[in-house]
Amino acid sequence: MKPQAAPQTPPAPLIDAAPALLQEVRRLIAARLGVGTFGLEPMLDELGQTLARLMPGPGDARLSPEEQEKARASFAGMVDTLEDVLEALHRSGRAGRVLGWGER
């Protein structure tokens, strides 16, 4: 008899997963950087606000196609900037200037 695979939980829809993903990014940054987040909170807050505008909840107003396009471009730019900042912090941590960052 062939063993049955355990039922798999379907992945969460993107609209449910996106806020959780942003919270995980916040958690990882806080864990790596400790108390000082090097001014990343405003950027993370803005990412969250843009994400909320792009993925409104039930009953919330939806953006027009033009506003969606602008918000997506803004979100992509913020993610690119965040990536650059985190990479710079990682490199400086490997150089020993930021404790706990860049260690594996």
PDB file of N, CA and C in Angstrom:
ATOM      1  N   MET A   1       0.837  -1.175   0.000  1.00  0.00           N
ATOM      2  CA  MET A   1       0.000   0.000   0.000  1.00  0.00           C
ATOM      3  C   MET A   1       0.883   1.239   0.000  1.00  0.00           C
ATOM      4  N   LYS A   2       0.545   2.176  -0.777  1.00  0.00           N
ATOM      5  CA  LYS A   2       1.302   3.416  -0.938  1.00  0.00           C
ATOM      6  C   LYS A   2       0.981   4.378   0.210  1.00  0.00           C
ATOM      7  N   PRO A   3       2.026   4.948   0.899  1.00  0.00           N
ATOM      8  CA  PRO A   3       1.745   5.900   1.985  1.00  0.00           C
ATOM      9  C   PRO A   3       1.113   7.178   1.431  1.00  0.00           C
ATOM     10  N   GLN A   4       0.165   7.685   2.190  1.00  0.00           N
ATOM     11  CA  GLN A   4      -0.511   8.906   1.766  1.00  0.00           C
ATOM     12  C   GLN A   4       0.253  10.117   2.264  1.00  0.00           C
ATOM     13  N   ALA A   5       0.357  11.091   1.405  1.00  0.00           N
ATOM     14  CA  ALA A   5       1.015  12.344   1.781  1.00  0.00           C
ATOM     15  C   ALA A   5       0.078  13.141   2.675  1.00  0.00           C
ATOM     16  N   ALA A   6       0.674  13.837   3.618  1.00  0.00           N
ATOM     17  CA  ALA A   6      -0.126  14.699   4.496  1.00  0.00           C
ATOM     18  C   ALA A   6      -0.758  15.799   3.664  1.00  0.00           C
ATOM     19  N   PRO A   7      -1.997  16.169   3.986  1.00  0.00           N
ATOM     20  CA  PRO A   7      -2.619  17.254   3.220  1.00  0.00           C
ATOM     21  C   PRO A   7      -1.817  18.536   3.396  1.00  0.00           C
ATOM     22  N   GLN A   8      -1.607  19.208   2.305  1.00  0.00           N
ATOM     23  CA  GLN A   8      -0.832  20.442   2.337  1.00  0.00           C
ATOM     24  C   GLN A   8      -1.764  21.634   2.458  1.00  0.00           C
ATOM     25  N   THR A   9      -1.338  22.583   3.266  1.00  0.00           N
ATOM     26  CA  THR A   9      -2.090  23.813   3.410  1.00  0.00           C
ATOM     27  C   THR A   9      -1.815  24.676   2.192  1.00  0.00           C
ATOM     28  N   PRO A  10      -2.844  25.169   1.532  1.00  0.00           N
ATOM     29  CA  PRO A  10      -2.597  26.021   0.365  1.00  0.00           C
ATOM     30  C   PRO A  10      -1.914  27.310   0.814  1.00  0.00           C
ATOM     31  N   PRO A  11      -1.058  27.861  -0.057  1.00  0.00           N
ATOM     32  CA  PRO A  11      -0.385  29.107   0.320  1.00  0.00           C
ATOM     33  C   PRO A  11      -1.409  30.227   0.515  1.00  0.00           C
ATOM     34  N   ALA A  12      -1.065  31.130   1.432  1.00  0.00           N
ATOM     35  CA  ALA A  12      -1.956  32.274   1.684  1.00  0.00           C
ATOM     36  C   ALA A  12      -1.998  33.154   0.447  1.00  0.00           C
ATOM     37  N   PRO A  13      -3.160  33.709   0.159  1.00  0.00           N
ATOM     38  CA  PRO A  13      -3.223  34.638  -0.968  1.00  0.00           C
ATOM     39  C   PRO A  13      -2.270  35.805  -0.723  1.00  0.00           C
ATOM     40  N   LEU A  14      -1.763  36.383  -1.786  1.00  0.00           N
ATOM     41  CA  LEU A  14      -0.803  37.472  -1.686  1.00  0.00           C
ATOM     42  C   LEU A  14      -1.325  38.596  -0.811  1.00  0.00           C
ATOM     43  N   ILE A  15      -2.597  38.900  -0.908  1.00  0.00           N
ATOM     44  CA  ILE A  15      -3.140  40.012  -0.133  1.00  0.00           C
ATOM     45  C   ILE A  15      -3.029  39.744   1.367  1.00  0.00           C
ATOM     46  N   ASP A  16      -3.098  38.471   1.784  1.00  0.00           N
ATOM     47  CA  ASP A  16      -2.936  38.121   3.188  1.00  0.00           C
ATOM     48  C   ASP A  16      -1.474  37.998   3.567  1.00  0.00           C
ATOM     49  N   ALA A  17      -0.647  37.560   2.641  1.00  0.00           N
ATOM     50  CA  ALA A  17       0.760  37.304   2.929  1.00  0.00           C
ATOM     51  C   ALA A  17       1.609  38.571   2.946  1.00  0.00           C
ATOM     52  N   ALA A  18       1.234  39.587   2.198  1.00  0.00           N
ATOM     53  CA  ALA A  18       2.073  40.785   2.075  1.00  0.00           C
ATOM     54  C   ALA A  18       2.299  41.497   3.410  1.00  0.00           C
ATOM     55  N   PRO A  19       1.258  41.784   4.213  1.00  0.00           N
ATOM     56  CA  PRO A  19       1.517  42.438   5.504  1.00  0.00           C
ATOM     57  C   PRO A  19       2.371  41.566   6.425  1.00  0.00           C
ATOM     58  N   ALA A  20       2.152  40.259   6.388  1.00  0.00           N
ATOM     59  CA  ALA A  20       2.959  39.356   7.211  1.00  0.00           C
ATOM     60  C   ALA A  20       4.417  39.379   6.760  1.00  0.00           C
ATOM     61  N   LEU A  21       4.630  39.456   5.472  1.00  0.00           N
ATOM     62  CA  LEU A  21       5.988  39.528   4.947  1.00  0.00           C
ATOM     63  C   LEU A  21       6.680  40.814   5.393  1.00  0.00           C
ATOM     64  N   LEU A  22       5.962  41.925   5.350  1.00  0.00           N
ATOM     65  CA  LEU A  22       6.528  43.187   5.805  1.00  0.00           C
ATOM     66  C   LEU A  22       6.857  43.121   7.297  1.00  0.00           C
ATOM     67  N   GLN A  23       5.996  42.488   8.090  1.00  0.00           N
ATOM     68  CA  GLN A  23       6.277  42.329   9.520  1.00  0.00           C
ATOM     69  C   GLN A  23       7.512  41.464   9.738  1.00  0.00           C
ATOM     70  N   GLU A  24       7.690  40.454   8.919  1.00  0.00           N
ATOM     71  CA  GLU A  24       8.875  39.602   9.031  1.00  0.00           C
ATOM     72  C   GLU A  24      10.140  40.381   8.686  1.00  0.00           C
ATOM     73  N   VAL A  25      10.071  41.247   7.675  1.00  0.00           N
ATOM     74  CA  VAL A  25      11.210  42.100   7.324  1.00  0.00           C
ATOM     75  C   VAL A  25      11.552  42.996   8.508  1.00  0.00           C
ATOM     76  N   ARG A  26      10.537  43.596   9.123  1.00  0.00           N
ATOM     77  CA  ARG A  26      10.760  44.440  10.309  1.00  0.00           C
ATOM     78  C   ARG A  26      11.421  43.628  11.429  1.00  0.00           C
ATOM     79  N   ARG A  27      10.923  42.420  11.654  1.00  0.00           N
ATOM     80  CA  ARG A  27      11.455  41.577  12.723  1.00  0.00           C
ATOM     81  C   ARG A  27      12.917  41.223  12.465  1.00  0.00           C
ATOM     82  N   LEU A  28      13.232  40.855  11.243  1.00  0.00           N
ATOM     83  CA  LEU A  28      14.608  40.497  10.901  1.00  0.00           C
ATOM     84  C   LEU A  28      15.554  41.686  11.040  1.00  0.00           C
ATOM     85  N   ILE A  29      15.114  42.849  10.598  1.00  0.00           N
ATOM     86  CA  ILE A  29      15.948  44.043  10.711  1.00  0.00           C
ATOM     87  C   ILE A  29      16.194  44.363  12.181  1.00  0.00           C
ATOM     88  N   ALA A  30      15.139  44.294  12.990  1.00  0.00           N
ATOM     89  CA  ALA A  30      15.285  44.569  14.423  1.00  0.00           C
ATOM     90  C   ALA A  30      16.205  43.546  15.084  1.00  0.00           C
ATOM     91  N   ALA A  31      16.093  42.285  14.681  1.00  0.00           N
ATOM     92  CA  ALA A  31      16.940  41.244  15.263  1.00  0.00           C
ATOM     93  C   ALA A  31      18.402  41.450  14.880  1.00  0.00           C
ATOM     94  N   ARG A  32      18.638  41.848  13.662  1.00  0.00           N
ATOM     95  CA  ARG A  32      20.013  42.032  13.202  1.00  0.00           C
ATOM     96  C   ARG A  32      20.637  43.330  13.684  1.00  0.00           C
ATOM     97  N   LEU A  33      19.844  44.392  13.719  1.00  0.00           N
ATOM     98  CA  LEU A  33      20.389  45.704  14.058  1.00  0.00           C
ATOM     99  C   LEU A  33      20.198  46.064  15.520  1.00  0.00           C
ATOM    100  N   GLY A  34      19.342  45.330  16.207  1.00  0.00           N
ATOM    101  CA  GLY A  34      19.089  45.636  17.609  1.00  0.00           C
ATOM    102  C   GLY A  34      18.246  46.893  17.749  1.00  0.00           C
ATOM    103  N   VAL A  35      18.553  47.669  18.772  1.00  0.00           N
ATOM    104  CA  VAL A  35      17.752  48.850  19.087  1.00  0.00           C
ATOM    105  C   VAL A  35      17.819  49.874  17.966  1.00  0.00           C
ATOM    106  N   GLY A  36      18.998  50.153  17.460  1.00  0.00           N
ATOM    107  CA  GLY A  36      19.143  51.157  16.405  1.00  0.00           C
ATOM    108  C   GLY A  36      18.863  50.556  15.052  1.00  0.00           C
ATOM    109  N   THR A  37      17.860  51.077  14.373  1.00  0.00           N
ATOM    110  CA  THR A  37      17.556  50.569  13.033  1.00  0.00           C
ATOM    111  C   THR A  37      18.077  51.509  11.959  1.00  0.00           C
ATOM    112  N   PHE A  38      18.954  52.425  12.378  1.00  0.00           N
ATOM    113  CA  PHE A  38      19.627  53.298  11.427  1.00  0.00           C
ATOM    114  C   PHE A  38      18.668  54.065  10.539  1.00  0.00           C
ATOM    115  N   GLY A  39      17.555  54.515  11.113  1.00  0.00           N
ATOM    116  CA  GLY A  39      16.608  55.343  10.371  1.00  0.00           C
ATOM    117  C   GLY A  39      15.755  54.600   9.368  1.00  0.00           C
ATOM    118  N   LEU A  40      15.654  53.287   9.501  1.00  0.00           N
ATOM    119  CA  LEU A  40      14.869  52.510   8.543  1.00  0.00           C
ATOM    120  C   LEU A  40      13.371  52.537   8.828  1.00  0.00           C
ATOM    121  N   GLU A  41      12.959  52.886  10.040  1.00  0.00           N
ATOM    122  CA  GLU A  41      11.530  52.867  10.383  1.00  0.00           C
ATOM    123  C   GLU A  41      10.678  53.719   9.444  1.00  0.00           C
ATOM    124  N   PRO A  42      11.060  54.964   9.151  1.00  0.00           N
ATOM    125  CA  PRO A  42      10.217  55.746   8.221  1.00  0.00           C
ATOM    126  C   PRO A  42      10.071  55.070   6.852  1.00  0.00           C
ATOM    127  N   MET A  43      11.134  54.466   6.373  1.00  0.00           N
ATOM    128  CA  MET A  43      11.067  53.787   5.075  1.00  0.00           C
ATOM    129  C   MET A  43      10.145  52.569   5.162  1.00  0.00           C
ATOM    130  N   LEU A  44      10.254  51.816   6.248  1.00  0.00           N
ATOM    131  CA  LEU A  44       9.390  50.654   6.418  1.00  0.00           C
ATOM    132  C   LEU A  44       7.939  51.066   6.607  1.00  0.00           C
ATOM    133  N   ASP A  45       7.706  52.169   7.312  1.00  0.00           N
ATOM    134  CA  ASP A  45       6.340  52.688   7.465  1.00  0.00           C
ATOM    135  C   ASP A  45       5.762  53.083   6.118  1.00  0.00           C
ATOM    136  N   GLU A  46       6.566  53.752   5.315  1.00  0.00           N
ATOM    137  CA  GLU A  46       6.098  54.173   3.989  1.00  0.00           C
ATOM    138  C   GLU A  46       5.827  52.957   3.101  1.00  0.00           C
ATOM    139  N   LEU A  47       6.668  51.930   3.201  1.00  0.00           N
ATOM    140  CA  LEU A  47       6.414  50.697   2.458  1.00  0.00           C
ATOM    141  C   LEU A  47       5.066  50.110   2.862  1.00  0.00           C
ATOM    142  N   GLY A  48       4.793  50.083   4.168  1.00  0.00           N
ATOM    143  CA  GLY A  48       3.528  49.543   4.659  1.00  0.00           C
ATOM    144  C   GLY A  48       2.335  50.342   4.180  1.00  0.00           C
ATOM    145  N   GLN A  49       2.469  51.672   4.187  1.00  0.00           N
ATOM    146  CA  GLN A  49       1.371  52.522   3.727  1.00  0.00           C
ATOM    147  C   GLN A  49       1.108  52.323   2.240  1.00  0.00           C
ATOM    148  N   THR A  50       2.174  52.230   1.458  1.00  0.00           N
ATOM    149  CA  THR A  50       2.009  52.021   0.012  1.00  0.00           C
ATOM    150  C   THR A  50       1.411  50.649  -0.254  1.00  0.00           C
ATOM    151  N   LEU A  51       1.866  49.653   0.498  1.00  0.00           N
ATOM    152  CA  LEU A  51       1.327  48.305   0.348  1.00  0.00           C
ATOM    153  C   LEU A  51      -0.163  48.290   0.682  1.00  0.00           C
ATOM    154  N   ALA A  52      -0.552  49.001   1.738  1.00  0.00           N
ATOM    155  CA  ALA A  52      -1.973  49.077   2.111  1.00  0.00           C
ATOM    156  C   ALA A  52      -2.797  49.761   1.018  1.00  0.00           C
ATOM    157  N   ARG A  53      -2.208  50.767   0.362  1.00  0.00           N
ATOM    158  CA  ARG A  53      -2.928  51.434  -0.731  1.00  0.00           C
ATOM    159  C   ARG A  53      -3.062  50.511  -1.939  1.00  0.00           C
ATOM    160  N   LEU A  54      -2.024  49.702  -2.199  1.00  0.00           N
ATOM    161  CA  LEU A  54      -2.059  48.786  -3.343  1.00  0.00           C
ATOM    162  C   LEU A  54      -2.978  47.600  -3.098  1.00  0.00           C
ATOM    163  N   MET A  55      -3.095  47.188  -1.840  1.00  0.00           N
ATOM    164  CA  MET A  55      -3.888  46.010  -1.499  1.00  0.00           C
ATOM    165  C   MET A  55      -4.910  46.378  -0.435  1.00  0.00           C
ATOM    166  N   PRO A  56      -5.917  47.174  -0.792  1.00  0.00           N
ATOM    167  CA  PRO A  56      -6.897  47.609   0.203  1.00  0.00           C
ATOM    168  C   PRO A  56      -7.717  46.436   0.734  1.00  0.00           C
ATOM    169  N   GLY A  57      -8.131  46.576   1.959  1.00  0.00           N
ATOM    170  CA  GLY A  57      -8.984  45.560   2.568  1.00  0.00           C
ATOM    171  C   GLY A  57     -10.411  45.689   2.083  1.00  0.00           C
ATOM    172  N   PRO A  58     -11.260  44.797   2.557  1.00  0.00           N
ATOM    173  CA  PRO A  58     -12.674  44.866   2.171  1.00  0.00           C
ATOM    174  C   PRO A  58     -13.281  46.206   2.585  1.00  0.00           C
ATOM    175  N   GLY A  59     -13.949  46.837   1.666  1.00  0.00           N
ATOM    176  CA  GLY A  59     -14.600  48.108   1.945  1.00  0.00           C
ATOM    177  C   GLY A  59     -13.712  49.331   1.778  1.00  0.00           C
ATOM    178  N   ASP A  60     -12.401  49.132   1.629  1.00  0.00           N
ATOM    179  CA  ASP A  60     -11.502  50.265   1.426  1.00  0.00           C
ATOM    180  C   ASP A  60     -11.521  50.680  -0.044  1.00  0.00           C
ATOM    181  N   ALA A  61     -11.237  51.950  -0.275  1.00  0.00           N
ATOM    182  CA  ALA A  61     -11.233  52.479  -1.644  1.00  0.00           C
ATOM    183  C   ALA A  61     -10.066  51.902  -2.441  1.00  0.00           C
ATOM    184  N   ARG A  62     -10.333  51.578  -3.660  1.00  0.00           N
ATOM    185  CA  ARG A  62      -9.293  51.075  -4.560  1.00  0.00           C
ATOM    186  C   ARG A  62      -8.724  52.234  -5.369  1.00  0.00           C
ATOM    187  N   LEU A  63      -7.446  52.115  -5.704  1.00  0.00           N
ATOM    188  CA  LEU A  63      -6.786  53.138  -6.515  1.00  0.00           C
ATOM    189  C   LEU A  63      -7.205  52.999  -7.971  1.00  0.00           C
ATOM    190  N   SER A  64      -7.181  54.114  -8.676  1.00  0.00           N
ATOM    191  CA  SER A  64      -7.415  54.075 -10.120  1.00  0.00           C
ATOM    192  C   SER A  64      -6.218  53.386 -10.764  1.00  0.00           C
ATOM    193  N   PRO A  65      -6.361  52.909 -11.997  1.00  0.00           N
ATOM    194  CA  PRO A  65      -5.226  52.265 -12.663  1.00  0.00           C
ATOM    195  C   PRO A  65      -3.974  53.161 -12.710  1.00  0.00           C
ATOM    196  N   GLU A  66      -4.169  54.456 -12.925  1.00  0.00           N
ATOM    197  CA  GLU A  66      -3.028  55.369 -12.968  1.00  0.00           C
ATOM    198  C   GLU A  66      -2.364  55.487 -11.597  1.00  0.00           C
ATOM    199  N   GLU A  67      -3.193  55.576 -10.546  1.00  0.00           N
ATOM    200  CA  GLU A  67      -2.650  55.657  -9.187  1.00  0.00           C
ATOM    201  C   GLU A  67      -1.961  54.356  -8.795  1.00  0.00           C
ATOM    202  N   GLN A  68      -2.515  53.221  -9.247  1.00  0.00           N
ATOM    203  CA  GLN A  68      -1.885  51.926  -8.974  1.00  0.00           C
ATOM    204  C   GLN A  68      -0.497  51.862  -9.604  1.00  0.00           C
ATOM    205  N   GLU A  69      -0.402  52.336 -10.840  1.00  0.00           N
ATOM    206  CA  GLU A  69       0.881  52.324 -11.541  1.00  0.00           C
ATOM    207  C   GLU A  69       1.913  53.168 -10.793  1.00  0.00           C
ATOM    208  N   LYS A  70       1.507  54.358 -10.346  1.00  0.00           N
ATOM    209  CA  LYS A  70       2.409  55.233  -9.594  1.00  0.00           C
ATOM    210  C   LYS A  70       2.806  54.597  -8.266  1.00  0.00           C
ATOM    211  N   ALA A  71       1.828  53.993  -7.583  1.00  0.00           N
ATOM    212  CA  ALA A  71       2.112  53.362  -6.288  1.00  0.00           C
ATOM    213  C   ALA A  71       3.047  52.168  -6.460  1.00  0.00           C
ATOM    214  N   ARG A  72       2.862  51.391  -7.516  1.00  0.00           N
ATOM    215  CA  ARG A  72       3.755  50.252  -7.774  1.00  0.00           C
ATOM    216  C   ARG A  72       5.180  50.725  -8.053  1.00  0.00           C
ATOM    217  N   ALA A  73       5.307  51.778  -8.838  1.00  0.00           N
ATOM    218  CA  ALA A  73       6.637  52.320  -9.140  1.00  0.00           C
ATOM    219  C   ALA A  73       7.288  52.848  -7.865  1.00  0.00           C
ATOM    220  N   SER A  74       6.509  53.528  -7.038  1.00  0.00           N
ATOM    221  CA  SER A  74       7.020  54.037  -5.770  1.00  0.00           C
ATOM    222  C   SER A  74       7.444  52.888  -4.872  1.00  0.00           C
ATOM    223  N   PHE A  75       6.623  51.852  -4.776  1.00  0.00           N
ATOM    224  CA  PHE A  75       6.930  50.690  -3.942  1.00  0.00           C
ATOM    225  C   PHE A  75       8.211  50.011  -4.414  1.00  0.00           C
ATOM    226  N   ALA A  76       8.318  49.820  -5.732  1.00  0.00           N
ATOM    227  CA  ALA A  76       9.518  49.177  -6.286  1.00  0.00           C
ATOM    228  C   ALA A  76      10.764  50.004  -5.980  1.00  0.00           C
ATOM    229  N   GLY A  77      10.659  51.319  -6.110  1.00  0.00           N
ATOM    230  CA  GLY A  77      11.797  52.185  -5.796  1.00  0.00           C
ATOM    231  C   GLY A  77      12.177  52.110  -4.331  1.00  0.00           C
ATOM    232  N   MET A  78      11.178  52.072  -3.443  1.00  0.00           N
ATOM    233  CA  MET A  78      11.470  51.965  -2.007  1.00  0.00           C
ATOM    234  C   MET A  78      12.118  50.629  -1.666  1.00  0.00           C
ATOM    235  N   VAL A  79      11.651  49.560  -2.289  1.00  0.00           N
ATOM    236  CA  VAL A  79      12.244  48.246  -2.039  1.00  0.00           C
ATOM    237  C   VAL A  79      13.690  48.232  -2.528  1.00  0.00           C
ATOM    238  N   ASP A  80      13.950  48.811  -3.691  1.00  0.00           N
ATOM    239  CA  ASP A  80      15.325  48.891  -4.204  1.00  0.00           C
ATOM    240  C   ASP A  80      16.211  49.688  -3.255  1.00  0.00           C
ATOM    241  N   THR A  81      15.705  50.807  -2.754  1.00  0.00           N
ATOM    242  CA  THR A  81      16.477  51.630  -1.816  1.00  0.00           C
ATOM    243  C   THR A  81      16.731  50.872  -0.525  1.00  0.00           C
ATOM    244  N   LEU A  82      15.706  50.204  -0.002  1.00  0.00           N
ATOM    245  CA  LEU A  82      15.864  49.419   1.220  1.00  0.00           C
ATOM    246  C   LEU A  82      16.911  48.326   1.013  1.00  0.00           C
ATOM    247  N   GLU A  83      16.865  47.682  -0.128  1.00  0.00           N
ATOM    248  CA  GLU A  83      17.847  46.648  -0.443  1.00  0.00           C
ATOM    249  C   GLU A  83      19.261  47.235  -0.441  1.00  0.00           C
ATOM    250  N   ASP A  84      19.427  48.404  -1.047  1.00  0.00           N
ATOM    251  CA  ASP A  84      20.741  49.049  -1.089  1.00  0.00           C
ATOM    252  C   ASP A  84      21.230  49.408   0.316  1.00  0.00           C
ATOM    253  N   VAL A  85      20.327  49.940   1.152  1.00  0.00           N
ATOM    254  CA  VAL A  85      20.704  50.318   2.518  1.00  0.00           C
ATOM    255  C   VAL A  85      21.087  49.083   3.320  1.00  0.00           C
ATOM    256  N   LEU A  86      20.286  48.025   3.219  1.00  0.00           N
ATOM    257  CA  LEU A  86      20.592  46.804   3.966  1.00  0.00           C
ATOM    258  C   LEU A  86      21.893  46.165   3.487  1.00  0.00           C
ATOM    259  N   GLU A  87      22.137  46.228   2.186  1.00  0.00           N
ATOM    260  CA  GLU A  87      23.402  45.702   1.663  1.00  0.00           C
ATOM    261  C   GLU A  87      24.580  46.499   2.203  1.00  0.00           C
ATOM    262  N   ALA A  88      24.440  47.821   2.258  1.00  0.00           N
ATOM    263  CA  ALA A  88      25.509  48.665   2.808  1.00  0.00           C
ATOM    264  C   ALA A  88      25.733  48.358   4.281  1.00  0.00           C
ATOM    265  N   LEU A  89      24.652  48.177   5.043  1.00  0.00           N
ATOM    266  CA  LEU A  89      24.788  47.816   6.451  1.00  0.00           C
ATOM    267  C   LEU A  89      25.435  46.448   6.609  1.00  0.00           C
ATOM    268  N   HIS A  90      25.067  45.542   5.739  1.00  0.00           N
ATOM    269  CA  HIS A  90      25.665  44.202   5.763  1.00  0.00           C
ATOM    270  C   HIS A  90      27.169  44.285   5.525  1.00  0.00           C
ATOM    271  N   ARG A  91      27.551  45.056   4.523  1.00  0.00           N
ATOM    272  CA  ARG A  91      28.980  45.201   4.213  1.00  0.00           C
ATOM    273  C   ARG A  91      29.732  45.877   5.351  1.00  0.00           C
ATOM    274  N   SER A  92      29.119  46.904   5.942  1.00  0.00           N
ATOM    275  CA  SER A  92      29.792  47.579   7.050  1.00  0.00           C
ATOM    276  C   SER A  92      29.872  46.656   8.257  1.00  0.00           C
ATOM    277  N   GLY A  93      28.864  45.805   8.432  1.00  0.00           N
ATOM    278  CA  GLY A  93      28.901  44.831   9.522  1.00  0.00           C
ATOM    279  C   GLY A  93      29.999  43.817   9.330  1.00  0.00           C
ATOM    280  N   ARG A  94      30.202  43.407   8.112  1.00  0.00           N
ATOM    281  CA  ARG A  94      31.279  42.458   7.827  1.00  0.00           C
ATOM    282  C   ARG A  94      32.632  43.110   8.060  1.00  0.00           C
ATOM    283  N   ALA A  95      32.667  44.439   7.938  1.00  0.00           N
ATOM    284  CA  ALA A  95      33.914  45.166   8.211  1.00  0.00           C
ATOM    285  C   ALA A  95      34.059  45.430   9.711  1.00  0.00           C
ATOM    286  N   GLY A  96      33.030  45.020  10.506  1.00  0.00           N
ATOM    287  CA  GLY A  96      33.130  45.144  11.950  1.00  0.00           C
ATOM    288  C   GLY A  96      32.601  46.426  12.527  1.00  0.00           C
ATOM    289  N   ARG A  97      31.924  47.239  11.738  1.00  0.00           N
ATOM    290  CA  ARG A  97      31.432  48.519  12.246  1.00  0.00           C
ATOM    291  C   ARG A  97      30.019  48.436  12.813  1.00  0.00           C
ATOM    292  N   VAL A  98      29.272  47.393  12.481  1.00  0.00           N
ATOM    293  CA  VAL A  98      27.920  47.216  13.004  1.00  0.00           C
ATOM    294  C   VAL A  98      27.869  45.826  13.613  1.00  0.00           C
ATOM    295  N   LEU A  99      27.757  45.751  14.920  1.00  0.00           N
ATOM    296  CA  LEU A  99      27.761  44.465  15.589  1.00  0.00           C
ATOM    297  C   LEU A  99      26.520  43.665  15.238  1.00  0.00           C
ATOM    298  N   GLY A 100      26.718  42.382  14.967  1.00  0.00           N
ATOM    299  CA  GLY A 100      25.585  41.496  14.727  1.00  0.00           C
ATOM    300  C   GLY A 100      25.112  41.454  13.298  1.00  0.00           C
ATOM    301  N   TRP A 101      25.554  42.353  12.475  1.00  0.00           N
ATOM    302  CA  TRP A 101      25.105  42.344  11.082  1.00  0.00           C
ATOM    303  C   TRP A 101      26.187  41.712  10.232  1.00  0.00           C
ATOM    304  N   GLY A 102      25.815  40.857   9.339  1.00  0.00           N
ATOM    305  CA  GLY A 102      26.766  40.237   8.444  1.00  0.00           C
ATOM    306  C   GLY A 102      27.387  38.980   9.013  1.00  0.00           C
ATOM    307  N   GLU A 103      27.045  38.621  10.257  1.00  0.00           N
ATOM    308  CA  GLU A 103      27.569  37.395  10.840  1.00  0.00           C
ATOM    309  C   GLU A 103      26.717  36.236  10.375  1.00  0.00           C
ATOM    310  N   ARG A 104      27.335  35.123  10.207  1.00  0.00           N
ATOM    311  CA  ARG A 104      26.595  33.918   9.798  1.00  0.00           C
ATOM    312  C   ARG A 104      26.976  32.772  10.659  1.00  0.00           C
TER     313      ARG A 104
END
